[in-house]
Structures are given as C-alpha cells and as structure tokens.
Protein backbone atom coordinates (compact mmCIF):
# COMPACT_ATOMS: atom_id res chain seq x y z
CA UNK A 1 -0.10 0.05 0.01
CA UNK A 2 2.92 2.33 -0.10
CA UNK A 3 2.96 2.82 3.70
CA UNK A 4 6.33 4.10 5.31
CA UNK A 5 7.00 3.08 9.11
CA UNK A 6 9.45 4.94 11.17
CA UNK A 7 10.84 3.71 14.35
CA UNK A 8 10.95 6.90 16.06
CA UNK A 9 7.08 7.23 15.85
CA UNK A 10 5.21 10.58 15.79
CA UNK A 11 8.29 12.45 15.63
CA UNK A 12 9.15 11.59 12.03
CA UNK A 13 5.63 10.74 10.97
CA UNK A 14 4.40 8.31 8.48
CA UNK A 15 3.86 9.00 4.88
CA UNK A 16 1.43 7.26 2.30
CA UNK A 17 2.46 7.71 -1.30
CA UNK A 18 4.48 10.70 -0.03
CA UNK A 19 1.64 12.43 1.91
CA UNK A 20 2.30 12.90 5.68
CA UNK A 21 -0.19 11.49 8.11
CA UNK A 22 -0.46 11.87 11.78
CA UNK A 23 -0.65 8.40 12.91
CA UNK A 24 2.55 6.91 14.39
CA UNK A 25 1.74 3.45 12.93
CA UNK A 26 -0.76 2.88 10.35
CA UNK A 27 -3.25 -0.19 10.18
CA UNK A 28 -5.45 -0.81 7.44
CA UNK A 29 -5.58 1.61 4.55
CA UNK A 30 -8.83 2.30 2.62
CA UNK A 31 -9.45 4.26 -0.44
CA UNK A 32 -12.14 6.53 -1.49
CA UNK A 33 -12.74 7.80 -5.08
CA UNK A 34 -16.27 9.19 -6.31
CA UNK A 35 -14.96 8.85 -10.04
CA UNK A 36 -14.23 5.27 -10.19
CA UNK A 37 -15.39 4.06 -6.98
CA UNK A 38 -18.13 1.67 -5.52
CA UNK A 39 -19.24 0.66 -1.98
CA UNK A 40 -19.45 -2.75 -3.27
CA UNK A 41 -15.57 -2.58 -3.90
CA UNK A 42 -12.85 -3.78 -1.32
CA UNK A 43 -11.69 -0.29 -0.77
CA UNK A 44 -8.17 -0.70 -2.32
CA UNK A 45 -6.39 1.88 -4.36
CA UNK A 46 -7.68 0.15 -7.79
CA UNK A 47 -11.07 -0.68 -6.29
CA UNK A 48 -12.03 2.34 -4.06
CA UNK A 49 -15.20 2.93 -2.19
CA UNK A 50 -17.26 5.77 -3.42
CA UNK A 51 -18.05 7.55 -0.16
CA UNK A 52 -16.24 8.55 2.99
CA UNK A 53 -19.01 7.52 5.40
CA UNK A 54 -19.04 3.90 3.99
CA UNK A 55 -15.30 3.59 4.25
CA UNK A 56 -15.43 4.89 8.10
CA UNK A 57 -17.79 2.02 8.71
CA UNK A 58 -15.28 -0.32 7.26
CA UNK A 59 -12.48 0.78 9.74
CA UNK A 60 -11.67 -0.89 12.98
CA UNK A 61 -11.39 0.91 16.14
CA UNK A 62 -7.97 1.88 17.65
CA UNK A 63 -6.17 -0.09 14.89
CA UNK A 64 -4.53 3.16 13.27
CA UNK A 65 -6.43 2.64 10.16
CA UNK A 66 -6.33 5.39 7.41
CA UNK A 67 -8.81 6.61 4.82
CA UNK A 68 -7.08 8.01 1.73
CA UNK A 69 -9.53 10.38 -0.38
CA UNK A 70 -8.25 10.57 -3.77
CA UNK A 71 -7.80 14.11 -5.50
CA UNK A 72 -11.00 15.48 -7.26
CA UNK A 73 -13.20 13.38 -5.19
CA UNK A 74 -16.80 14.90 -4.69
CA UNK A 75 -19.67 14.09 -2.46
CA UNK A 76 -23.04 15.72 -1.67
CA UNK A 77 -23.67 15.29 2.32
CA UNK A 78 -27.33 15.67 3.56
CA UNK A 79 -28.53 15.45 7.09
CA UNK A 80 -27.20 15.65 10.62
CA UNK A 81 -24.17 13.38 10.84
CA UNK A 82 -24.36 12.83 6.97
CA UNK A 83 -20.69 11.78 7.74
CA UNK A 84 -20.13 10.23 10.89
CA UNK A 85 -16.74 9.33 12.28
CA UNK A 86 -17.65 6.91 15.01
CA UNK A 87 -14.60 4.83 14.85
CA UNK A 88 -11.92 5.55 17.16
CA UNK A 89 -8.18 6.16 16.09
CA UNK A 90 -8.84 6.73 12.47
CA UNK A 91 -7.16 9.14 10.30
CA UNK A 92 -8.78 10.57 6.98
CA UNK A 93 -6.58 12.22 4.46
CA UNK A 94 -7.45 14.00 1.15
CA UNK A 95 -4.84 13.85 -1.44
CA UNK A 96 -4.24 16.79 -3.88
CA UNK A 97 -3.62 20.61 -3.46
CA UNK A 98 -6.03 23.53 -4.10
CA UNK A 99 -8.67 22.66 -6.67
CA UNK A 100 -7.51 18.84 -6.74
CA UNK A 101 -8.40 18.55 -3.06
CA UNK A 102 -11.44 16.43 -2.42
CA UNK A 103 -14.59 18.35 -1.84
CA UNK A 104 -17.66 17.95 0.11
CA UNK A 105 -20.87 19.77 -0.46
CA UNK A 106 -22.84 20.14 2.52
CA UNK A 107 -26.52 20.60 1.53
CA UNK A 108 -30.06 19.83 2.01
CA UNK A 109 -30.84 21.72 5.43
CA UNK A 110 -29.21 23.84 7.91
CA UNK A 111 -28.75 20.78 9.99
CA UNK A 112 -26.21 18.99 7.64
CA UNK A 113 -23.01 17.91 9.63
CA UNK A 114 -20.05 15.82 9.77
CA UNK A 115 -20.13 14.33 13.34
CA UNK A 116 -16.97 13.26 15.17
CA UNK A 117 -18.18 11.15 17.99
CA UNK A 118 -15.39 8.82 18.34
CA UNK A 119 -12.26 9.48 20.15
CA UNK A 120 -8.84 10.32 18.38
CA UNK A 121 -10.18 10.97 14.82
CA UNK A 122 -7.92 12.84 12.51
CA UNK A 123 -9.42 14.70 9.33
CA UNK A 124 -6.79 16.51 7.05
CA UNK A 125 -6.93 18.32 3.92
CA UNK A 126 -10.37 18.31 2.56
CA UNK A 127 -12.62 21.30 1.35
CA UNK A 128 -16.13 21.76 2.65
CA UNK A 129 -18.56 24.07 0.86
CA UNK A 130 -21.72 24.98 2.43
CA UNK A 131 -24.58 24.17 -0.32
CA UNK A 132 -27.38 25.57 1.83
CA UNK A 133 -27.86 29.04 3.37
CA UNK A 134 -26.93 29.45 7.04
CA UNK A 135 -25.62 25.80 7.89
CA UNK A 136 -25.37 25.82 11.58
CA UNK A 137 -22.21 23.89 11.63
CA UNK A 138 -19.89 21.67 9.69
CA UNK A 139 -18.28 19.90 12.48
CA UNK A 140 -20.06 18.54 15.29
CA UNK A 141 -17.21 17.16 17.57
CA UNK A 142 -18.38 15.25 20.77
CA UNK A 143 -15.12 12.91 20.84
CA UNK A 144 -11.91 13.73 22.75
CA UNK A 145 -8.85 14.09 20.72
CA UNK A 146 -10.35 15.25 17.35
CA UNK A 147 -7.62 16.95 15.14
CA UNK A 148 -8.67 18.97 12.05
CA UNK A 149 -5.74 19.74 9.88
CA UNK A 150 -5.49 21.86 6.70
CA UNK A 151 -9.09 22.10 6.23
CA UNK A 152 -11.07 24.66 4.12
CA UNK A 153 -14.53 25.91 4.57
CA UNK A 154 -16.34 27.81 1.81
CA UNK A 155 -19.44 29.24 0.42
CA UNK A 156 -20.63 27.20 -2.54
CA UNK A 157 -22.31 30.21 -3.80
CA UNK A 158 -23.21 33.65 -2.14
CA UNK A 159 -25.92 33.07 0.60
CA UNK A 160 -25.03 29.29 1.09
CA UNK A 161 -22.85 29.63 4.03
CA UNK A 162 -21.72 28.09 7.43
CA UNK A 163 -22.49 29.89 10.54
CA UNK A 164 -20.20 28.17 12.54
CA UNK A 165 -17.43 25.84 11.12
CA UNK A 166 -16.69 23.89 14.20
CA UNK A 167 -18.83 23.28 17.20
CA UNK A 168 -17.53 21.32 20.33
CA UNK A 169 -21.42 20.59 21.30
CA UNK A 170 -20.81 18.15 24.35
CA UNK A 171 -21.04 18.18 27.93
CA UNK A 172 -17.88 19.19 29.91
CA UNK A 173 -14.58 17.62 28.76
CA UNK A 174 -16.13 15.67 26.04
CA UNK A 175 -14.10 17.35 23.39
CA UNK A 176 -10.76 17.62 25.23
CA UNK A 177 -7.74 17.84 23.34
CA UNK A 178 -9.40 19.21 20.30
CA UNK A 179 -6.71 20.41 17.75
CA UNK A 180 -7.59 22.82 14.87
CA UNK A 181 -4.30 23.66 12.72
CA UNK A 182 -3.81 25.55 9.38
CA UNK A 183 -7.52 25.55 8.64
CA UNK A 184 -9.30 28.18 6.52
CA UNK A 185 -12.68 29.83 6.27
CA UNK A 186 -14.28 32.23 4.13
CA UNK A 187 -17.56 33.80 3.79
CA UNK A 188 -19.31 36.88 2.51
CA UNK A 189 -22.47 36.40 4.30
CA UNK A 190 -23.40 38.53 7.30
CA UNK A 191 -24.51 35.58 9.10
CA UNK A 192 -21.11 34.07 9.76
CA UNK A 193 -20.28 33.92 13.32
CA UNK A 194 -17.37 32.45 15.35
CA UNK A 195 -15.33 29.80 13.69
CA UNK A 196 -15.19 27.41 16.82
CA UNK A 197 -17.90 27.34 19.46
CA UNK A 198 -17.22 25.51 22.66
CA UNK A 199 -20.27 24.45 24.80
CA UNK A 200 -18.64 22.48 27.64
CA UNK A 201 -15.51 22.97 29.74
CA UNK A 202 -12.52 22.00 27.23
CA UNK A 203 -9.09 21.26 28.28
CA UNK A 204 -5.95 21.24 25.96
CA UNK A 205 -7.30 23.01 22.89
CA UNK A 206 -4.68 23.62 20.25
CA UNK A 207 -5.73 26.50 17.75
CA UNK A 208 -2.94 27.45 15.57
CA UNK A 209 -2.32 28.90 12.18
CA UNK A 210 -5.77 29.25 11.12
CA UNK A 211 -7.09 32.01 8.77
CA UNK A 212 -10.58 33.11 9.05
CA UNK A 213 -12.01 35.57 6.88
CA UNK A 214 -15.68 36.87 7.85
CA UNK A 215 -15.52 40.55 6.98
CA UNK A 216 -19.22 40.66 6.52
CA UNK A 217 -20.12 38.99 9.86
CA UNK A 218 -21.03 41.33 12.55
CA UNK A 219 -20.92 38.42 15.23
CA UNK A 220 -17.89 36.87 13.63
CA UNK A 221 -15.12 35.55 15.80
CA UNK A 222 -12.54 32.95 16.32
CA UNK A 223 -13.63 31.04 19.46
CA UNK A 224 -16.56 31.43 21.43
CA UNK A 225 -17.17 29.67 25.02
CA UNK A 226 -20.74 29.05 26.43
CA UNK A 227 -21.51 30.88 29.59
CA UNK A 228 -19.57 29.53 32.53
CA UNK A 229 -17.37 27.32 30.51
CA UNK A 230 -13.54 27.10 30.71
CA UNK A 231 -10.68 26.72 28.25
CA UNK A 232 -7.83 25.19 30.33
CA UNK A 233 -4.17 24.48 29.04
CA UNK A 234 -5.04 25.96 25.84
CA UNK A 235 -2.47 26.84 23.23
CA UNK A 236 -3.98 29.56 20.64
CA UNK A 237 -1.09 31.09 18.55
CA UNK A 238 -0.35 32.54 15.21
CA UNK A 239 -4.04 32.68 13.92
CA UNK A 240 -5.41 35.49 11.59
CA UNK A 241 -8.99 36.71 11.76
CA UNK A 242 -10.71 39.31 9.68
CA UNK A 243 -14.00 39.92 11.10
CA UNK A 244 -17.16 42.61 10.52
CA UNK A 245 -17.53 42.76 14.47
CA UNK A 246 -17.77 46.24 15.87
CA UNK A 247 -17.29 45.48 19.33
CA UNK A 248 -16.68 42.88 21.91
CA UNK A 249 -14.19 40.17 22.72
CA UNK A 250 -14.46 38.92 19.08
CA UNK A 251 -10.95 36.75 19.04
CA UNK A 252 -11.58 34.62 22.12
CA UNK A 253 -14.53 35.07 24.32
CA UNK A 254 -14.91 33.23 27.83
CA UNK A 255 -16.84 34.83 30.90
CA UNK A 256 -15.10 32.86 33.43
CA UNK A 257 -11.82 33.41 35.42
CA UNK A 258 -10.76 29.85 35.40
CA UNK A 259 -9.06 29.66 31.98
CA UNK A 260 -5.50 28.82 31.62
CA UNK A 261 -2.78 28.47 28.83
CA UNK A 262 -1.28 30.82 26.21
CA UNK A 263 -2.58 33.19 23.72
CA UNK A 264 0.17 34.70 21.64
CA UNK A 265 1.00 36.18 18.30
CA UNK A 266 -2.52 36.38 16.81
CA UNK A 267 -3.48 38.96 14.52
CA UNK A 268 -7.07 40.51 14.40
CA UNK A 269 -8.77 42.69 11.76
CA UNK A 270 -12.09 44.23 12.77
CA UNK A 271 -14.44 47.10 12.72
CA UNK A 272 -14.04 48.34 16.21
CA UNK A 273 -12.61 51.67 15.69
CA UNK A 274 -12.76 52.21 19.42
CA UNK A 275 -10.20 49.54 19.57
CA UNK A 276 -11.89 47.59 22.57
CA UNK A 277 -9.62 44.67 23.64
CA UNK A 278 -10.54 41.41 21.47
CA UNK A 279 -9.52 38.84 23.83
CA UNK A 280 -11.37 37.94 26.88
CA UNK A 281 -9.68 34.65 28.37
CA UNK A 282 -9.05 35.45 32.11
CA UNK A 283 -6.56 33.27 33.63
CA UNK A 284 -4.58 32.69 30.59
CA UNK A 285 -1.15 34.30 29.32
CA UNK A 286 -1.36 36.77 26.56
CA UNK A 287 1.40 37.72 24.71
CA UNK A 288 1.94 39.97 21.36
CA UNK A 289 -1.39 39.93 19.93
CA UNK A 290 -2.11 42.74 17.43
CA UNK A 291 -5.69 44.15 16.27
CA UNK A 292 -6.71 46.71 13.88
CA UNK A 293 -10.09 48.41 13.18
CA UNK A 294 -9.33 50.46 10.17
CA UNK A 295 -7.75 49.72 6.69
CA UNK A 296 -4.18 50.67 5.53
CA UNK A 297 -2.56 50.74 9.06
CA UNK A 298 -0.43 48.81 11.55
CA UNK A 299 -2.30 46.90 14.26
CA UNK A 300 -2.46 47.87 17.83
CA UNK A 301 -0.85 45.47 20.62
CA UNK A 302 -3.99 44.39 22.46
CA UNK A 303 -4.32 44.07 25.55
CA UNK A 304 -1.58 46.58 26.25
CA UNK A 305 2.04 45.39 27.71
CA UNK A 306 1.72 44.90 31.44
CA UNK A 307 4.24 47.01 33.37
CA UNK A 308 4.81 44.19 35.75
CA UNK A 309 7.67 42.80 34.11
C-alpha cells in the first residue's frame, strides 16, 4: 500500500505515497474515489469505495486505520451526521492541492453536519462547501482528541454559508484535546459567526495557524465559549482573523476566570474603531497579539503590555 513506517514514531511521522499523516503507525488503508469507486468494492486503491462514510464504517477502532480520499473526489452530504466518524483512532487524509483536493458539498438543510463522536479522529486536507444558507455547523465534535488539519470551509455560492464551522457540542470535557491547525474559512455572508464554538469545559485545545475571513459577519469571531465554560491548558497562537464585528471580545470570548494556557502572536482585523480588547480569556497568559479596526494601518498591541515585568 505504500506505507512508510518510522521507528521514532510521531517525531518523524508516516507517509502514504508521500503524503504525511499523523498516525504513528498505520493499520489498514482504505481508498475513496467518487470517479471510479463503488461501495461494493474492497476499498483498495484500484477498487476504491465511493463514499467517505462507508469507508469509515469499514475501519476497526484503535487499529490506526487510514482512509485516503483521492484527488478530485466529490460528494454531496445531506442530513445531520451525513458523515459520522464513530470509529476511534482513524485518520482521514485528502490527496491533492488547491482545486484537486476532495470536496464535500454540505447540502439539504441547515442541520447537515460531519459528526466526530469517536475518540482520536484526524481529518486532513479536505474542502467543505456549504450548499445551503446558514448551515449551523460543518463539524459537530463530541469525541476527545479530534484533530482537524488543513481543512478549508467555503460558500458554494453567495448566501450558502456556514454560520459556525466547528462546534464542540458535548458536555464538559467531551472534546478535550481538540486540535485545529492550518484551517481556512471564508464567507461573504453577514450570518457568519465564530469559527469555533465550545459548549462545555474544554482542556488542551490547540488552535494554531488558522485563517478566518468573515468581514461581513457582525458576530464573527474565532473562539466563543458558552456561559460559564473554561478553556484550560489551551494553546492559541499564530492565527489570523478578519471580522465584521464592531465591538466585543471577538477573537476569544470566555466569561469565566478559570481559564489557563497561552494566547500569543495572533492578528485580528475588525471594525471596532474604539479598539476594544478582542481577547477575554481571564486566567490565560496573553502575549503579542495585534488588532486593527481600520484599513491601511498597522495593528495595535492589545491588550496593552503589562508593566509588571
């Protein structure tokens, strides 16, 4: 199958046909290709499955199984849990770059979603297009250790948009270890809200190197915590946000004082000319974040540098 194993585990990674994946040791490998596949096939590269959800169902929990989604694969997904990652420890990897990446049209109703309910699921290098106005969320995460890497979220056409791209919708600590790295989200619709919504206490969130462009969204932000919910041991660094919001803690918003972790080196463009502080995460350490409420200027360091050196 072209799987390369490395004795040093995660430090050096694993590649399949040159594509890096995050599992230290791969188990079975299944292939998905809408152009040549059938769910009656064996899921090999020459006889691939046709849909991702079917391939997930063929995996074995905690076996390090990998699903390779071929370039130019295309699926239309309808219904809540139209794709459900309910098998623990699997990795889903899209092959191809830019327009060659696998594309999933999330369509049919505002409730259409990709559910991650099992633990330790990785999804990498896929494009998700909203095919319906105001789709509530693309990813509904209720399993610990979910990892989203290099995903892109777009409108299919104008007025077909995601409101929130990722939601951790479970109770306290059901989505611990959530990792979102190198993802991109674009929308021109005013209904665009925060990229990530957290409904329960969440430990060990990693949120890095993401680009979120929602210049028309007056409620647009990066991370929103539900009332009374904490982010502990979080690492939120090197993200870029363009928001249409005119006030409030639009980058990270939590109303508790029991948060912890680091928020550093983020860049925030917004429409709040009063330059309100865009980060409310009391208890965390905050370093070198810049915000800007007008065009053609350099950002302000917000919050201001503490004089208690």
